[in-house]
Protein backbone atom coordinates (compact mmCIF):
# COMPACT_ATOMS: atom_id res chain seq x y z
CA MET A 1 0.00 0.00 0.00
CA LYS A 2 2.84 2.39 0.92
CA THR A 3 4.46 1.69 -2.45
CA CYS A 4 1.23 2.57 -4.25
CA ILE A 5 0.96 5.81 -2.31
CA ARG A 6 4.54 6.72 -3.21
CA ILE A 7 3.83 6.04 -6.89
CA VAL A 8 0.69 8.17 -6.81
CA LEU A 9 2.57 11.00 -5.10
CA LEU A 10 5.40 10.71 -7.63
CA ILE A 11 2.96 10.90 -10.55
CA PHE A 12 1.20 13.86 -8.95
CA GLY A 13 4.53 15.61 -8.40
CA LEU A 14 5.57 15.05 -12.01
CA GLN A 15 2.24 16.36 -13.27
CA LEU A 16 2.54 19.45 -11.07
CA ALA A 17 6.09 20.06 -12.30
CA PHE A 18 4.89 19.74 -15.90
CA VAL A 19 2.07 22.21 -15.31
CA GLN A 20 4.46 24.69 -13.70
CA SER A 21 6.97 24.22 -16.52
CA SER A 22 4.27 24.76 -19.15
CA SER A 23 3.07 27.85 -17.32
CA ALA A 24 6.61 29.21 -17.27
CA GLN A 25 6.73 29.08 -21.06
CA LYS A 26 3.78 31.46 -21.44
CA LEU A 27 4.39 35.00 -22.60
CA ILE A 28 3.01 38.18 -21.14
CA ARG A 29 0.00 39.82 -22.74
CA ILE A 30 1.10 42.84 -24.77
CA ASP A 31 -0.73 45.18 -27.11
CA GLU A 32 -1.79 43.36 -30.27
CA SER A 33 -0.42 46.07 -32.58
CA LEU A 34 2.98 45.89 -30.87
CA LYS A 35 2.94 42.11 -31.16
CA LEU A 36 2.20 42.26 -34.90
CA ASN A 37 4.74 44.99 -35.66
CA SER A 38 7.78 43.79 -33.72
CA GLN A 39 10.18 40.91 -33.42
CA GLN A 40 10.13 38.85 -30.24
CA MET A 41 13.72 38.95 -28.99
CA ARG A 42 15.01 36.55 -26.35
CA ALA A 43 17.14 38.37 -23.77
CA LYS A 44 20.09 36.57 -22.24
CA ARG A 45 22.29 37.49 -19.31
CA LYS A 46 26.00 36.83 -18.98
CA GLY A 47 28.04 37.28 -15.83
CA ILE A 48 27.20 37.20 -12.13
CA SER A 49 28.00 40.79 -11.18
CA SER A 50 25.45 43.23 -9.73
CA VAL A 51 24.66 44.32 -13.29
CA GLY A 52 24.51 41.44 -15.73
CA LYS A 53 25.60 41.71 -19.35
CA TYR A 54 22.19 41.47 -21.00
CA GLU A 55 21.92 41.11 -24.74
CA PHE A 56 19.05 40.77 -27.22
CA GLY A 57 18.76 41.36 -30.94
CA SER A 58 21.48 43.83 -31.96
CA TYR A 59 21.79 45.32 -28.45
CA LYS A 60 23.95 44.42 -25.47
CA VAL A 61 25.43 45.59 -22.19
CA ILE A 62 29.22 45.65 -22.51
CA SER A 63 29.98 46.59 -18.90
CA GLY A 64 28.14 46.99 -15.62
CA LYS A 65 29.16 47.80 -12.07
CA GLY A 66 28.15 49.07 -8.67
CA GLY A 67 28.59 52.86 -8.64
CA TRP A 68 28.06 55.42 -11.38
CA GLU A 69 29.81 56.23 -14.61
CA LYS A 70 30.92 59.88 -14.78
CA THR A 71 28.70 62.22 -16.81
CA THR A 72 28.26 65.99 -16.82
CA GLN A 73 24.44 65.89 -16.79
CA LYS A 74 22.06 65.94 -13.84
CA SER A 75 18.55 64.58 -13.44
CA PRO A 76 15.88 67.33 -13.73
CA LEU A 77 13.02 65.36 -12.18
CA PHE A 78 13.43 66.36 -8.54
CA SER A 79 13.35 69.90 -7.23
CA ASP A 80 16.29 71.56 -5.50
CA ASN A 81 14.35 71.20 -2.23
CA SER A 82 14.22 67.42 -2.48
CA SER A 83 16.96 65.30 -0.95
CA ILE A 84 17.47 61.69 -1.99
CA LYS A 85 19.68 59.21 -0.19
CA SER A 86 20.41 56.19 -2.35
CA SER A 87 20.83 52.72 -0.91
CA THR A 88 22.10 51.44 -4.24
CA ASN A 89 23.96 53.02 -7.15
CA LYS A 90 24.66 51.04 -10.31
CA SER A 91 25.59 51.75 -13.89
CA PHE A 92 25.96 50.04 -17.22
CA VAL A 93 27.23 50.82 -20.70
CA PHE A 94 24.88 49.74 -23.48
CA VAL A 95 25.64 49.51 -27.21
CA SER A 96 24.09 48.51 -30.53
CA ASP A 97 25.49 47.12 -33.75
CA GLU A 98 25.03 50.60 -35.27
CA ALA A 99 27.74 51.99 -32.95
CA ASP A 100 25.29 53.72 -30.59
CA THR A 101 26.41 53.95 -26.96
CA ALA A 102 24.41 54.77 -23.84
CA ILE A 103 25.64 55.30 -20.30
CA ALA A 104 22.99 54.45 -17.73
CA ASN A 105 23.35 55.61 -14.11
CA ILE A 106 20.89 53.98 -11.72
CA SER A 107 19.81 55.16 -8.28
CA VAL A 108 17.56 53.19 -5.91
CA ALA A 109 16.31 55.54 -3.18
CA GLU A 110 16.27 54.54 0.45
CA ASN A 111 15.23 57.89 1.86
CA VAL A 112 13.51 60.86 0.19
CA ALA A 113 13.09 64.13 2.09
CA ILE A 114 10.65 66.42 0.26
CA ASP A 115 10.00 70.12 0.79
CA GLY A 116 7.44 71.13 -1.79
CA GLY A 117 8.64 68.39 -4.12
CA SER A 118 8.82 68.27 -7.89
CA TRP A 119 5.98 68.13 -10.40
CA PHE A 120 6.35 64.36 -10.60
CA ILE A 121 6.14 63.88 -6.82
CA ARG A 122 3.19 66.25 -6.48
CA THR A 123 1.29 64.62 -9.35
CA PHE A 124 1.84 60.94 -8.75
CA THR A 125 2.42 60.40 -5.02
CA PRO A 126 1.04 61.55 -1.65
CA TRP A 127 4.58 62.37 -0.50
CA SER A 128 4.46 66.18 -0.53
CA ASP A 129 6.11 67.66 2.60
CA ALA A 130 6.97 64.12 3.74
CA GLU A 131 10.02 62.09 4.52
CA VAL A 132 9.78 58.73 2.81
CA LYS A 133 11.69 55.97 4.56
CA ILE A 134 12.24 52.24 4.22
CA GLY A 135 11.81 50.25 1.06
CA GLU A 136 13.10 51.03 -2.38
CA GLY A 137 10.34 53.37 -3.45
CA VAL A 138 12.13 55.34 -6.16
CA TYR A 139 14.04 53.73 -9.03
CA GLU A 140 15.73 56.23 -11.32
CA CYS A 141 17.94 55.67 -14.33
CA ALA A 142 19.57 58.58 -16.16
CA PHE A 143 20.65 57.91 -19.76
CA SER A 144 23.22 59.86 -21.74
CA PHE A 145 23.79 58.96 -25.38
CA SER A 146 26.75 59.26 -27.70
CA SER A 147 24.53 60.44 -30.57
CA ASP A 148 22.53 63.05 -28.61
CA THR A 149 23.14 65.71 -25.96
CA VAL A 150 19.63 65.30 -24.51
CA LEU A 151 19.41 63.50 -21.17
CA TRP A 152 16.60 60.96 -20.76
CA ASN A 153 15.37 59.74 -17.40
CA LEU A 154 13.50 56.60 -16.48
CA LEU A 155 11.70 56.93 -13.18
CA ALA A 156 9.54 54.35 -11.40
CA ILE A 157 7.80 55.03 -8.10
CA TYR A 158 6.45 52.28 -5.85
CA PRO A 159 4.52 52.24 -2.57
CA VAL A 160 6.80 52.44 0.47
CA ALA A 161 6.57 53.19 4.17
CA ALA A 162 6.58 56.91 4.98
CA GLU A 163 7.05 59.27 7.90
CA VAL A 164 4.69 62.25 7.69
CA ASP A 165 4.79 64.97 10.36
CA GLY A 166 6.68 62.62 12.64
CA ILE A 167 4.10 59.84 12.30
CA PHE A 168 5.28 56.59 10.73
CA GLN A 169 2.68 55.07 8.42
CA THR A 170 2.28 52.70 5.51
CA ASP A 171 1.91 54.39 2.15
CA ASP A 172 -1.32 52.88 0.84
CA HIS A 173 -2.08 55.61 -1.68
CA THR A 174 0.81 55.39 -4.09
CA VAL A 175 0.42 53.02 -7.00
CA PHE A 176 3.15 52.11 -9.46
CA ARG A 177 3.91 54.89 -11.88
CA GLY A 178 6.71 54.79 -14.41
CA ILE A 179 7.85 57.29 -17.03
CA LEU A 180 10.62 57.72 -19.56
CA THR A 181 11.12 61.39 -20.41
CA ASP A 182 13.49 64.05 -21.65
CA ASN A 183 11.29 66.72 -20.01
CA ASN A 184 9.52 67.28 -23.33
CA THR A 185 8.44 63.86 -24.57
CA LEU A 186 6.63 61.57 -22.14
CA ILE A 187 6.59 57.78 -22.50
CA GLU A 188 4.58 56.03 -19.79
CA ILE A 189 5.48 52.62 -18.38
CA ALA A 190 2.68 50.23 -17.40
CA GLU A 191 2.94 47.05 -15.37
CA ILE A 192 1.84 43.74 -16.89
CA ASN A 193 0.74 40.97 -14.52
CA VAL A 194 -1.13 38.59 -16.84
CA ASN A 195 0.02 36.18 -19.54
CA GLU A 196 -1.37 35.83 -23.06
CA GLN A 197 -4.30 33.80 -21.75
CA GLY A 198 -5.15 36.49 -19.19
CA ASP A 199 -4.00 34.34 -16.26
CA ASN A 200 -1.95 35.47 -13.30
CA SER A 201 -0.58 33.63 -10.31
CA PHE A 202 -1.97 33.59 -6.80
CA LEU A 203 0.67 36.10 -5.71
CA ASN A 204 -0.04 38.28 -8.76
CA PRO A 205 3.57 39.29 -9.47
CA VAL A 206 4.58 41.85 -12.06
CA LEU A 207 5.57 39.81 -15.13
CA GLY A 208 6.64 42.65 -17.38
CA TYR A 209 6.36 46.28 -18.46
CA GLU A 210 4.98 48.02 -21.53
CA PHE A 211 6.04 51.43 -22.84
CA TRP A 212 3.28 53.71 -24.19
CA MET A 213 3.32 57.03 -25.98
CA GLY A 214 -0.26 58.19 -25.77
CA SER A 215 -2.41 55.31 -27.02
CA ARG A 216 0.43 53.65 -28.93
CA SER A 217 2.50 50.82 -27.47
CA LEU A 218 6.16 51.20 -28.43
CA ALA A 219 7.91 48.38 -26.57
CA ALA A 220 7.56 45.76 -23.85
CA VAL A 221 9.78 43.56 -21.72
CA GLN A 222 9.04 40.30 -19.93
CA VAL A 223 10.96 40.16 -16.64
CA LEU A 224 9.44 37.01 -15.09
CA PRO A 225 9.82 34.11 -14.89
CA ALA A 226 13.56 34.36 -14.36
CA ASN A 227 15.66 33.38 -17.37
CA ARG A 228 12.62 33.68 -19.64
CA TRP A 229 13.15 37.30 -20.62
CA TYR A 230 11.77 38.69 -23.87
CA VAL A 231 11.79 42.12 -25.49
CA TRP A 232 9.53 43.64 -28.14
CA ILE A 233 10.26 46.97 -29.90
CA ARG A 234 8.17 48.29 -32.79
CA ASP A 235 9.84 47.82 -36.17
CA ASP A 236 8.54 51.14 -37.60
CA LEU A 237 10.36 53.42 -35.14
CA ASP A 238 13.50 55.37 -36.01
CA SER A 239 16.79 53.90 -34.85
CA ASP A 240 17.38 56.49 -32.10
CA LEU A 241 14.01 55.80 -30.48
CA LYS A 242 14.57 52.05 -30.76
CA PHE A 243 17.91 52.42 -29.01
CA LEU A 244 16.37 54.55 -26.27
CA LEU A 245 13.66 51.93 -25.67
CA ALA A 246 16.19 49.09 -25.76
CA SER A 247 18.21 50.94 -23.10
CA ALA A 248 15.08 51.49 -21.01
CA VAL A 249 13.89 47.87 -21.07
CA THR A 250 17.40 46.82 -20.05
CA ALA A 251 17.18 49.16 -17.06
CA MET A 252 13.96 47.41 -16.01
CA LEU A 253 15.67 44.02 -16.31
CA VAL A 254 18.53 45.31 -14.15
CA ARG A 255 16.00 46.52 -11.59
CA MET A 256 14.47 43.04 -11.23
CA MET A 257 17.77 41.21 -10.69
C-alpha cells in the first residue's frame, strides 16, 4: 500500500512540475499592434556581477558595475528642495550594432526628504512635505547617449513606508507609476501581470512592463519568470528611439535582478 501511495505521489509531483513548466513558457499579454509589428527577442544574461551583461537582438550591455559612470548631466526630475539618499547606485554601458552607446546611471532611493517636491512627486504620489523611509520606493535611471546631448530619465515610483509629520505610516495611496522622459516627450510605463491567456498567479507578481506614448504601445519587456526574458520593440520606429527603448527595457531588467 505504501508503495502505491509513493507512486501516486510521484505521478502527482511530475504532473505538477509539468504544469508549472508549461506555465513558465507562457508570454506576457502585450498590445496586439505591438505584437504584430515587432520581433520577439530573447534576452540573455552573462556574468554574475550586480549588473549582468544582457543582450538581445542587436543590443547588449558591454559593462556593468556598482557605482556610477561619470557624466556631466544631472537629473531634472526632482526639485532643489528634495533630498534623496540612495541605498544602491549602479551603472551600465549599453551599445548597438550601429555603434550607438548609452551610459545608464541607476539610483535606488532609500530615503527621500521632500520640501514642496517636484511636479512628478506632487502629481503621482502623496509624499508632498513628507520624509519617505524604508523600502526602495524610487528607481531612477539617467541615460546619456553618444549620438545626442539630450538626457533621458527613467523613473519608477512604488509604494513604500513613509514618515509624515513625525508619524510613521504605511503608504497605501501610491500606485506604481513609471515614465521615460526628456522633459519634453513623455513615454509612460505600465505594469503587466497577466500572460497571453489572461491568467496570473496567486501572488499576482509583475511579469513585465509596456512602454506607451499616448495610445500607442512602443515596446515591452518580460521580466518574469527568471531566465525567460523577452523584449519587443516596434519595427517602424527610427533607430534612435529604438535604441532609447532598448536601453530602457534593459534598465527594467537590471531593476528586477
